[in-house]
Amino acid sequence: MMGPAHSLSGAAAWLGVGAAAAAAGHPMPWPVLVCGALICAGAALAPDLDHKSATISRAFGPLSRMVCEVVDNISHAVYKATKMRGDSNRSGGHRTLTHTWVWAVLVGGAMALLAMRGGRWAVLGILFVHMVLAIEGLLWRAARVSSDVLVWLLGAASAWILAGILDQPGNGAHWLFTEPEQQYLWLGLPIVLGALVHDIGDALTVSGCPILWPIPIGRKRWYPLGPPKGMRFKAGSWVELKVLMPLFMLAGGIGGLTALGYL
């Protein structure tokens, strides 16, 4: 999938979680619903850290390009070190390590601990990164014709405002995790979800996605999971643009309204 579809699917997934949480008796305060949807939209771009031409590689200028190169090399090294007989030889790390459930859980867990232990500035940093990515994904047409600095300023302003709202009593700093030392622990959840939604989206495309690594399937440890080949589509095709993206918007709208108690 392309960046805009990934971001839309991430936002829709978190809004759906909000609806499920409300039905289970753990309704999200509206700041958690909004903030989580934006974080999830941004996190749904993050697995493409292994791709030098992806949206995330351009999002933070030379810094993100450098990080993408490092992650690509690490992913390729892990692939070579763990591949089995049935796995093909590869020249790069795209759609390997960062496209697995292991990566999703590790990154989400790390961000949750950072938010919980690092205080306000850590939360602001996490929000800033994901707000910039959400802008790049959801507002991609406007972001591409704007300067990077303008996108960064909008991301920083959004992060500052959202952090201030979340800090207010009852607005969600302790949503789901209620102990005093568990403040903002929930921030890891939309990050894990965004990565997994990205992987599921890529699994629907022609190449599939090795979501289950390191669990071997047949003679492959990097088995590209996906539906039958006749049901797959090329990234950026009409199926993605004309069918899936409108469905993501519809599903997100229904989920959001349900989570807020309007449906």
Protein backbone atom coordinates (compact mmCIF):
# COMPACT_ATOMS: atom_id res chain seq x y z
CA MET A 1 0.00 0.00 0.00
CA MET A 2 0.97 3.64 -0.40
CA GLY A 3 1.39 6.10 2.48
CA PRO A 4 -2.07 7.76 2.41
CA ALA A 5 -3.88 4.40 2.50
CA HIS A 6 -1.65 3.20 5.35
CA SER A 7 -2.37 6.32 7.40
CA LEU A 8 -6.12 6.18 6.74
CA SER A 9 -6.23 2.52 7.74
CA GLY A 10 -4.30 3.29 10.93
CA ALA A 11 -6.67 6.08 11.96
CA ALA A 12 -9.70 3.93 11.14
CA ALA A 13 -8.29 1.04 13.16
CA TRP A 14 -7.86 3.17 16.31
CA LEU A 15 -11.34 4.64 15.95
CA GLY A 16 -12.62 1.07 15.70
CA VAL A 17 -10.72 0.21 18.87
CA GLY A 18 -12.41 3.20 20.49
CA ALA A 19 -15.82 1.78 19.58
CA ALA A 20 -14.82 -1.66 20.93
CA ALA A 21 -13.46 -0.13 24.14
CA ALA A 22 -16.72 1.74 24.70
CA ALA A 23 -18.70 -1.47 24.22
CA ALA A 24 -16.39 -3.24 26.70
CA GLY A 25 -16.93 -0.60 29.37
CA HIS A 26 -13.63 1.28 28.97
CA PRO A 27 -14.71 4.30 26.90
CA MET A 28 -11.97 6.58 25.66
CA PRO A 29 -12.05 10.26 26.60
CA TRP A 30 -12.27 12.20 23.35
CA PRO A 31 -8.62 13.40 23.58
CA VAL A 32 -7.46 9.76 23.72
CA LEU A 33 -9.64 8.90 20.73
CA VAL A 34 -8.35 11.84 18.64
CA CYS A 35 -4.74 11.63 19.77
CA GLY A 36 -4.64 7.85 19.39
CA ALA A 37 -6.10 8.03 15.88
CA LEU A 38 -3.42 10.53 14.82
CA ILE A 39 -0.62 8.52 16.45
CA CYS A 40 -1.90 5.35 14.79
CA ALA A 41 -2.08 7.15 11.43
CA GLY A 42 1.55 8.17 11.83
CA ALA A 43 2.70 4.81 13.19
CA ALA A 44 1.14 3.12 10.15
CA LEU A 45 3.90 4.71 8.05
CA ALA A 46 6.76 3.70 10.34
CA PRO A 47 7.41 0.12 9.12
CA ASP A 48 8.64 1.63 5.85
CA LEU A 49 11.72 2.82 7.72
CA ASP A 50 13.45 0.14 5.67
CA HIS A 51 12.65 1.88 2.36
CA LYS A 52 14.71 4.86 1.19
CA SER A 53 11.91 6.19 -1.05
CA ALA A 54 9.09 5.92 1.48
CA THR A 55 7.21 8.88 2.93
CA ILE A 56 8.90 8.44 6.30
CA SER A 57 12.36 8.73 4.73
CA ARG A 58 11.51 12.29 3.61
CA ALA A 59 9.56 13.34 6.70
CA PHE A 60 12.50 14.59 8.80
CA GLY A 61 15.00 15.53 6.14
CA PRO A 62 18.58 14.16 6.28
CA LEU A 63 17.97 12.66 9.74
CA SER A 64 15.17 10.34 8.61
CA ARG A 65 17.08 9.42 5.44
CA MET A 66 20.05 8.40 7.57
CA VAL A 67 17.84 6.40 9.95
CA CYS A 68 16.18 4.65 7.00
CA GLU A 69 19.57 3.62 5.62
CA VAL A 70 20.64 2.22 8.99
CA VAL A 71 17.35 0.33 9.47
CA ASP A 72 17.54 -1.03 5.92
CA ASN A 73 21.05 -2.39 6.59
CA ILE A 74 20.04 -3.90 9.94
CA SER A 75 16.92 -5.49 8.42
CA HIS A 76 18.95 -6.97 5.58
CA ALA A 77 21.51 -8.35 8.02
CA VAL A 78 18.77 -9.96 10.16
CA TYR A 79 17.20 -11.42 7.03
CA LYS A 80 20.46 -13.01 5.89
CA ALA A 81 21.22 -14.33 9.38
CA THR A 82 17.81 -15.98 9.90
CA LYS A 83 16.61 -17.02 6.43
CA MET A 84 15.90 -20.66 5.70
CA ARG A 85 16.41 -22.75 2.61
CA GLY A 86 13.18 -21.68 0.96
CA ASP A 87 13.76 -17.95 1.48
CA SER A 88 15.11 -16.11 -1.55
CA ASN A 89 18.30 -14.06 -1.68
CA ARG A 90 17.71 -10.33 -1.28
CA SER A 91 19.77 -7.23 -1.94
CA GLY A 92 17.97 -5.04 0.62
CA GLY A 93 15.92 -5.15 3.79
CA HIS A 94 12.56 -3.78 2.61
CA ARG A 95 9.55 -5.74 3.90
CA THR A 96 11.58 -7.82 6.29
CA LEU A 97 12.27 -7.03 9.97
CA THR A 98 10.16 -3.86 10.27
CA HIS A 99 7.19 -5.65 8.72
CA THR A 100 6.84 -8.26 11.47
CA TRP A 101 4.79 -8.56 14.67
CA VAL A 102 8.06 -8.67 16.63
CA TRP A 103 9.04 -5.20 15.43
CA ALA A 104 5.56 -3.83 16.15
CA VAL A 105 5.57 -5.11 19.73
CA LEU A 106 9.16 -4.04 20.45
CA VAL A 107 8.71 -0.49 19.12
CA GLY A 108 5.31 -0.03 20.76
CA GLY A 109 6.63 -1.37 24.06
CA ALA A 110 9.68 0.88 23.91
CA MET A 111 7.55 3.95 23.22
CA ALA A 112 5.16 3.05 26.04
CA LEU A 113 8.04 2.78 28.52
CA LEU A 114 9.57 6.01 27.24
CA ALA A 115 6.26 7.84 27.65
CA MET A 116 5.72 6.41 31.13
CA ARG A 117 9.25 7.01 32.43
CA GLY A 118 10.41 9.99 30.41
CA GLY A 119 7.89 12.59 31.54
CA ARG A 120 6.35 15.42 29.55
CA TRP A 121 9.24 15.94 27.13
CA ALA A 122 9.27 12.28 26.15
CA VAL A 123 5.51 12.42 25.50
CA LEU A 124 5.98 15.59 23.46
CA GLY A 125 8.70 13.91 21.40
CA ILE A 126 6.55 10.87 20.67
CA LEU A 127 3.60 13.06 19.76
CA PHE A 128 5.71 15.33 17.54
CA VAL A 129 7.15 12.45 15.48
CA HIS A 130 3.75 10.85 14.97
CA MET A 131 1.94 14.13 14.28
CA VAL A 132 4.44 14.91 11.50
CA LEU A 133 3.96 11.44 10.04
CA ALA A 134 0.17 11.74 10.32
CA ILE A 135 0.29 15.06 8.44
CA GLU A 136 2.49 13.50 5.75
CA GLY A 137 0.11 10.57 5.40
CA LEU A 138 -3.35 12.06 5.83
CA LEU A 139 -2.65 15.45 4.23
CA TRP A 140 -0.13 14.18 1.73
CA ARG A 141 -1.15 16.48 -1.14
CA ALA A 142 -0.74 19.60 1.01
CA ALA A 143 2.39 18.25 2.70
CA ARG A 144 4.18 17.64 -0.59
CA VAL A 145 3.74 21.22 -1.79
CA SER A 146 4.64 22.70 1.62
CA SER A 147 8.09 23.15 3.06
CA ASP A 148 9.37 20.60 5.57
CA VAL A 149 9.69 23.35 8.16
CA LEU A 150 6.00 24.21 7.86
CA VAL A 151 5.03 20.55 8.39
CA TRP A 152 7.37 20.32 11.39
CA LEU A 153 5.90 23.48 12.91
CA LEU A 154 2.37 22.15 12.47
CA GLY A 155 3.44 18.83 14.02
CA ALA A 156 5.09 20.60 16.96
CA ALA A 157 2.05 22.83 17.56
CA SER A 158 -0.30 19.82 17.39
CA ALA A 159 1.89 17.86 19.82
CA TRP A 160 2.04 20.76 22.29
CA ILE A 161 -1.73 21.34 22.21
CA LEU A 162 -2.59 17.64 22.51
CA ALA A 163 -0.14 17.09 25.37
CA GLY A 164 -1.67 20.02 27.23
CA ILE A 165 -5.18 18.66 26.76
CA LEU A 166 -4.21 15.12 27.79
CA ASP A 167 -2.53 16.43 30.95
CA GLN A 168 -5.78 17.87 32.24
CA PRO A 169 -7.59 15.69 34.82
CA GLY A 170 -9.92 13.14 33.28
CA ASN A 171 -8.68 13.71 29.73
CA GLY A 172 -6.87 10.44 29.34
CA ALA A 173 -3.30 10.44 30.67
CA HIS A 174 -4.31 7.42 32.77
CA TRP A 175 -6.79 5.86 30.36
CA LEU A 176 -6.92 2.06 30.71
CA PHE A 177 -3.82 1.96 32.97
CA THR A 178 -4.84 3.63 36.23
CA GLU A 179 -1.86 3.27 38.57
CA PRO A 180 0.04 6.52 39.28
CA GLU A 181 3.26 5.26 37.66
CA GLN A 182 1.40 4.11 34.52
CA GLN A 183 0.67 7.57 33.15
CA TYR A 184 0.71 7.54 29.31
CA LEU A 185 1.43 3.81 29.17
CA TRP A 186 -1.43 3.52 26.66
CA LEU A 187 0.54 5.52 24.08
CA GLY A 188 2.24 2.30 23.03
CA LEU A 189 -1.05 0.74 21.91
CA PRO A 190 -1.74 2.91 18.82
CA ILE A 191 1.92 2.52 17.83
CA VAL A 192 1.68 -1.29 17.91
CA LEU A 193 -1.67 -1.17 16.14
CA GLY A 194 -0.42 1.18 13.43
CA ALA A 195 2.52 -1.08 12.62
CA LEU A 196 0.33 -4.19 12.48
CA VAL A 197 -2.25 -2.46 10.28
CA HIS A 198 0.56 -1.45 7.92
CA ASP A 199 1.70 -5.07 7.73
CA ILE A 200 -1.82 -6.34 7.07
CA GLY A 201 -2.22 -3.73 4.33
CA ASP A 202 1.03 -4.81 2.68
CA ALA A 203 -0.05 -8.46 2.96
CA LEU A 204 -2.97 -7.65 0.65
CA THR A 205 -0.61 -6.54 -2.12
CA VAL A 206 1.18 -8.65 -4.71
CA SER A 207 4.36 -9.18 -2.65
CA GLY A 208 2.70 -10.21 0.63
CA CYS A 209 4.26 -9.52 4.03
CA PRO A 210 6.27 -11.71 6.47
CA ILE A 211 4.17 -10.70 9.49
CA LEU A 212 4.71 -13.94 11.41
CA TRP A 213 8.52 -13.97 11.43
CA PRO A 214 10.38 -15.72 13.06
CA ILE A 215 7.76 -18.49 12.98
CA PRO A 216 8.69 -20.78 10.07
CA ILE A 217 6.06 -21.75 7.51
CA GLY A 218 7.12 -24.64 5.32
CA ARG A 219 10.72 -24.06 4.26
CA LYS A 220 10.53 -20.30 4.81
CA ARG A 221 11.09 -18.20 7.91
CA TRP A 222 10.18 -15.04 5.96
CA TYR A 223 6.98 -16.39 4.45
CA PRO A 224 5.08 -13.57 2.66
CA LEU A 225 1.61 -13.93 4.13
CA GLY A 226 -1.37 -12.80 2.11
CA PRO A 227 -4.68 -13.84 0.55
CA PRO A 228 -4.78 -16.02 -2.58
CA LYS A 229 -2.86 -14.34 -5.40
CA GLY A 230 -6.01 -13.64 -7.38
CA MET A 231 -7.26 -11.42 -4.53
CA ARG A 232 -4.09 -9.31 -4.25
CA PHE A 233 -3.50 -5.95 -5.89
CA LYS A 234 -0.60 -3.68 -6.77
CA ALA A 235 0.26 -0.83 -4.41
CA GLY A 236 -1.32 2.39 -5.67
CA SER A 237 -3.80 0.57 -7.93
CA TRP A 238 -7.45 1.54 -8.36
CA VAL A 239 -8.47 -1.05 -5.74
CA GLU A 240 -6.50 0.84 -3.13
CA LEU A 241 -7.51 4.33 -4.25
CA LYS A 242 -11.15 3.80 -5.25
CA VAL A 243 -12.26 0.98 -2.95
CA LEU A 244 -10.10 0.63 0.16
CA MET A 245 -9.49 4.28 0.99
CA PRO A 246 -13.22 5.20 0.90
CA LEU A 247 -13.93 2.10 3.02
CA PHE A 248 -11.31 3.19 5.56
CA MET A 249 -12.90 6.64 5.78
CA LEU A 250 -16.38 5.15 6.21
CA ALA A 251 -15.23 2.64 8.82
CA GLY A 252 -13.32 5.33 10.71
CA GLY A 253 -16.34 7.63 10.75
CA ILE A 254 -18.63 4.90 12.07
CA GLY A 255 -16.05 3.84 14.66
CA GLY A 256 -15.49 7.39 15.86
CA LEU A 257 -19.17 8.17 16.20
CA THR A 258 -19.76 4.88 18.02
CA ALA A 259 -16.83 5.53 20.39
CA LEU A 260 -18.26 8.96 21.24
CA GLY A 261 -21.73 7.53 21.86
CA TYR A 262 -23.50 9.02 18.86
CA LEU A 263 -24.33 5.62 17.32
